[in-house]
């Protein structure tokens, strides 16, 4: 069951990310020369439940500058994977690191800190 306090904390963080993304894109639009470098990255997930996966995909999509373009379900040993389009994808490792931070925060909301830390210890393959 979701903890209401952790849900509010995640919602507040996500709202701040939406504002930050909107400001970044707005600044890029009104200044000369585009700094955008679009890329699509694959993100194997630590998320396991439908709630976690759909919340992660939705969180990415409502954040300006990113959108979930596809979801591959778990198959055998392969974890569920999101395919994410990022407007600022010149450094793919940075894009993945930012998405991992979002996923970690989401798992804290759904599982609590200890269980989410254990889940994030092993990188999905």
C-alpha atoms as a PDB file:
ATOM      1  CA  UNK A   1       0.000   0.000   0.000  1.00  0.00           C
ATOM      2  CA  UNK A   2       1.245   3.468  -0.852  1.00  0.00           C
ATOM      3  CA  UNK A   3       2.282   5.684   2.026  1.00  0.00           C
ATOM      4  CA  UNK A   4       0.501   9.056   1.664  1.00  0.00           C
ATOM      5  CA  UNK A   5       3.525  11.033   2.889  1.00  0.00           C
ATOM      6  CA  UNK A   6       5.897   9.354   0.415  1.00  0.00           C
ATOM      7  CA  UNK A   7       3.321   9.902  -2.345  1.00  0.00           C
ATOM      8  CA  UNK A   8       3.159  13.646  -1.584  1.00  0.00           C
ATOM      9  CA  UNK A   9       6.975  13.855  -1.495  1.00  0.00           C
ATOM     10  CA  UNK A  10       7.237  12.145  -4.900  1.00  0.00           C
ATOM     11  CA  UNK A  11       4.463  14.329  -6.319  1.00  0.00           C
ATOM     12  CA  UNK A  12       6.216  17.478  -5.106  1.00  0.00           C
ATOM     13  CA  UNK A  13       9.534  16.369  -6.567  1.00  0.00           C
ATOM     14  CA  UNK A  14       7.845  15.495  -9.875  1.00  0.00           C
ATOM     15  CA  UNK A  15       6.088  18.876  -9.997  1.00  0.00           C
ATOM     16  CA  UNK A  16       9.462  20.592  -9.520  1.00  0.00           C
ATOM     17  CA  UNK A  17      10.911  18.502 -12.363  1.00  0.00           C
ATOM     18  CA  UNK A  18       8.031  19.532 -14.635  1.00  0.00           C
ATOM     19  CA  UNK A  19       8.713  23.206 -13.894  1.00  0.00           C
ATOM     20  CA  UNK A  20      12.476  22.755 -14.329  1.00  0.00           C
ATOM     21  CA  UNK A  21      11.986  20.982 -17.683  1.00  0.00           C
ATOM     22  CA  UNK A  22       9.564  23.643 -18.913  1.00  0.00           C
ATOM     23  CA  UNK A  23      12.006  26.411 -17.996  1.00  0.00           C
ATOM     24  CA  UNK A  24      14.870  24.626 -19.763  1.00  0.00           C
ATOM     25  CA  UNK A  25      12.889  24.187 -22.962  1.00  0.00           C
ATOM     26  CA  UNK A  26      11.505  27.725 -22.762  1.00  0.00           C
ATOM     27  CA  UNK A  27      14.977  29.175 -22.373  1.00  0.00           C
ATOM     28  CA  UNK A  28      16.224  27.098 -25.298  1.00  0.00           C
ATOM     29  CA  UNK A  29      13.374  28.267 -27.525  1.00  0.00           C
ATOM     30  CA  UNK A  30      13.933  31.999 -26.911  1.00  0.00           C
ATOM     31  CA  UNK A  31      17.727  31.976 -27.215  1.00  0.00           C
ATOM     32  CA  UNK A  32      19.555  31.812 -30.546  1.00  0.00           C
ATOM     33  CA  UNK A  33      20.727  28.373 -31.640  1.00  0.00           C
ATOM     34  CA  UNK A  34      19.173  25.157 -30.441  1.00  0.00           C
ATOM     35  CA  UNK A  35      21.016  23.129 -27.849  1.00  0.00           C
ATOM     36  CA  UNK A  36      18.727  20.149 -28.333  1.00  0.00           C
ATOM     37  CA  UNK A  37      20.243  16.831 -29.283  1.00  0.00           C
ATOM     38  CA  UNK A  38      17.379  14.310 -29.454  1.00  0.00           C
ATOM     39  CA  UNK A  39      18.024  10.680 -28.627  1.00  0.00           C
ATOM     40  CA  UNK A  40      16.104   7.538 -27.768  1.00  0.00           C
ATOM     41  CA  UNK A  41      17.459   5.506 -24.860  1.00  0.00           C
ATOM     42  CA  UNK A  42      16.499   2.078 -23.584  1.00  0.00           C
ATOM     43  CA  UNK A  43      15.895   1.920 -19.834  1.00  0.00           C
ATOM     44  CA  UNK A  44      15.699  -1.581 -18.332  1.00  0.00           C
ATOM     45  CA  UNK A  45      13.606  -1.153 -15.195  1.00  0.00           C
ATOM     46  CA  UNK A  46      13.864  -2.162 -11.562  1.00  0.00           C
ATOM     47  CA  UNK A  47      10.101  -1.541 -11.424  1.00  0.00           C
ATOM     48  CA  UNK A  48       8.119  -4.767 -11.279  1.00  0.00           C
ATOM     49  CA  UNK A  49       4.416  -4.098 -10.794  1.00  0.00           C
ATOM     50  CA  UNK A  50       2.049  -2.636 -13.361  1.00  0.00           C
ATOM     51  CA  UNK A  51       1.534   0.346 -11.031  1.00  0.00           C
ATOM     52  CA  UNK A  52       5.282   1.027 -10.827  1.00  0.00           C
ATOM     53  CA  UNK A  53       5.850   0.619 -14.568  1.00  0.00           C
ATOM     54  CA  UNK A  54       2.890   2.749 -15.621  1.00  0.00           C
ATOM     55  CA  UNK A  55       3.708   5.441 -13.031  1.00  0.00           C
ATOM     56  CA  UNK A  56       7.308   5.538 -14.258  1.00  0.00           C
ATOM     57  CA  UNK A  57       6.208   5.812 -17.906  1.00  0.00           C
ATOM     58  CA  UNK A  58       3.681   8.527 -17.021  1.00  0.00           C
ATOM     59  CA  UNK A  59       6.204  10.457 -14.920  1.00  0.00           C
ATOM     60  CA  UNK A  60       8.642  10.480 -17.836  1.00  0.00           C
ATOM     61  CA  UNK A  61       5.964  11.569 -20.277  1.00  0.00           C
ATOM     62  CA  UNK A  62       4.653  14.512 -18.220  1.00  0.00           C
ATOM     63  CA  UNK A  63       8.173  15.849 -17.717  1.00  0.00           C
ATOM     64  CA  UNK A  64       8.940  18.356 -20.507  1.00  0.00           C
ATOM     65  CA  UNK A  65      11.779  17.181 -22.736  1.00  0.00           C
ATOM     66  CA  UNK A  66      11.115  13.462 -22.321  1.00  0.00           C
ATOM     67  CA  UNK A  67       8.448  11.066 -23.508  1.00  0.00           C
ATOM     68  CA  UNK A  68       8.002   7.322 -23.217  1.00  0.00           C
ATOM     69  CA  UNK A  69       7.747   6.003 -26.775  1.00  0.00           C
ATOM     70  CA  UNK A  70       7.557   2.297 -26.022  1.00  0.00           C
ATOM     71  CA  UNK A  71       7.381  -0.351 -23.335  1.00  0.00           C
ATOM     72  CA  UNK A  72       8.810  -3.843 -23.716  1.00  0.00           C
ATOM     73  CA  UNK A  73       7.355  -6.326 -21.228  1.00  0.00           C
ATOM     74  CA  UNK A  74       9.422  -8.685 -19.098  1.00  0.00           C
ATOM     75  CA  UNK A  75      10.490 -11.685 -21.196  1.00  0.00           C
ATOM     76  CA  UNK A  76      12.312 -14.510 -19.469  1.00  0.00           C
ATOM     77  CA  UNK A  77      15.276 -12.973 -17.688  1.00  0.00           C
ATOM     78  CA  UNK A  78      14.944  -9.591 -19.429  1.00  0.00           C
ATOM     79  CA  UNK A  79      13.335  -6.906 -17.241  1.00  0.00           C
ATOM     80  CA  UNK A  80      10.578  -4.626 -18.493  1.00  0.00           C
ATOM     81  CA  UNK A  81      12.166  -1.863 -20.557  1.00  0.00           C
ATOM     82  CA  UNK A  82      11.050   1.648 -21.394  1.00  0.00           C
ATOM     83  CA  UNK A  83      12.166   3.403 -24.547  1.00  0.00           C
ATOM     84  CA  UNK A  84      12.472   7.107 -23.842  1.00  0.00           C
ATOM     85  CA  UNK A  85      12.887  10.001 -26.259  1.00  0.00           C
ATOM     86  CA  UNK A  86      14.902  12.811 -24.684  1.00  0.00           C
ATOM     87  CA  UNK A  87      15.308  16.235 -26.288  1.00  0.00           C
ATOM     88  CA  UNK A  88      18.659  16.707 -24.554  1.00  0.00           C
ATOM     89  CA  UNK A  89      20.273  13.339 -25.198  1.00  0.00           C
ATOM     90  CA  UNK A  90      23.805  14.359 -26.148  1.00  0.00           C
ATOM     91  CA  UNK A  91      25.076  12.522 -23.047  1.00  0.00           C
ATOM     92  CA  UNK A  92      23.128   9.262 -22.913  1.00  0.00           C
ATOM     93  CA  UNK A  93      24.712   8.269 -19.594  1.00  0.00           C
ATOM     94  CA  UNK A  94      23.412  11.482 -18.030  1.00  0.00           C
ATOM     95  CA  UNK A  95      19.915  10.842 -19.437  1.00  0.00           C
ATOM     96  CA  UNK A  96      19.918   7.322 -17.979  1.00  0.00           C
ATOM     97  CA  UNK A  97      21.279   8.618 -14.643  1.00  0.00           C
ATOM     98  CA  UNK A  98      18.436  11.157 -14.442  1.00  0.00           C
ATOM     99  CA  UNK A  99      15.883   8.467 -15.281  1.00  0.00           C
ATOM    100  CA  UNK A 100      17.415   6.141 -12.661  1.00  0.00           C
ATOM    101  CA  UNK A 101      17.041   8.920 -10.089  1.00  0.00           C
ATOM    102  CA  UNK A 102      13.351   9.212 -11.018  1.00  0.00           C
ATOM    103  CA  UNK A 103      12.938   5.436 -10.760  1.00  0.00           C
ATOM    104  CA  UNK A 104      14.674   5.337  -7.365  1.00  0.00           C
ATOM    105  CA  UNK A 105      12.355   8.046  -6.047  1.00  0.00           C
ATOM    106  CA  UNK A 106       9.334   6.230  -7.452  1.00  0.00           C
ATOM    107  CA  UNK A 107      10.386   2.961  -5.784  1.00  0.00           C
ATOM    108  CA  UNK A 108      10.843   4.768  -2.469  1.00  0.00           C
ATOM    109  CA  UNK A 109       7.242   5.923  -2.858  1.00  0.00           C
ATOM    110  CA  UNK A 110       5.891   2.455  -3.684  1.00  0.00           C
ATOM    111  CA  UNK A 111       8.149   0.224  -1.569  1.00  0.00           C
ATOM    112  CA  UNK A 112       9.830   2.350   1.074  1.00  0.00           C
ATOM    113  CA  UNK A 113      13.496   3.283   1.327  1.00  0.00           C
ATOM    114  CA  UNK A 114      15.008  -0.063   2.380  1.00  0.00           C
ATOM    115  CA  UNK A 115      13.233  -2.195  -0.206  1.00  0.00           C
ATOM    116  CA  UNK A 116      13.898   0.335  -2.959  1.00  0.00           C
ATOM    117  CA  UNK A 117      17.602   0.546  -2.071  1.00  0.00           C
ATOM    118  CA  UNK A 118      17.872  -3.258  -2.297  1.00  0.00           C
ATOM    119  CA  UNK A 119      16.071  -3.268  -5.658  1.00  0.00           C
ATOM    120  CA  UNK A 120      18.371  -0.592  -7.092  1.00  0.00           C
ATOM    121  CA  UNK A 121      21.601  -2.339  -5.998  1.00  0.00           C
ATOM    122  CA  UNK A 122      21.693  -4.673  -9.002  1.00  0.00           C
ATOM    123  CA  UNK A 123      21.538  -3.150 -12.464  1.00  0.00           C
ATOM    124  CA  UNK A 124      18.890  -4.905 -14.613  1.00  0.00           C
ATOM    125  CA  UNK A 125      20.319  -6.571 -17.685  1.00  0.00           C
END
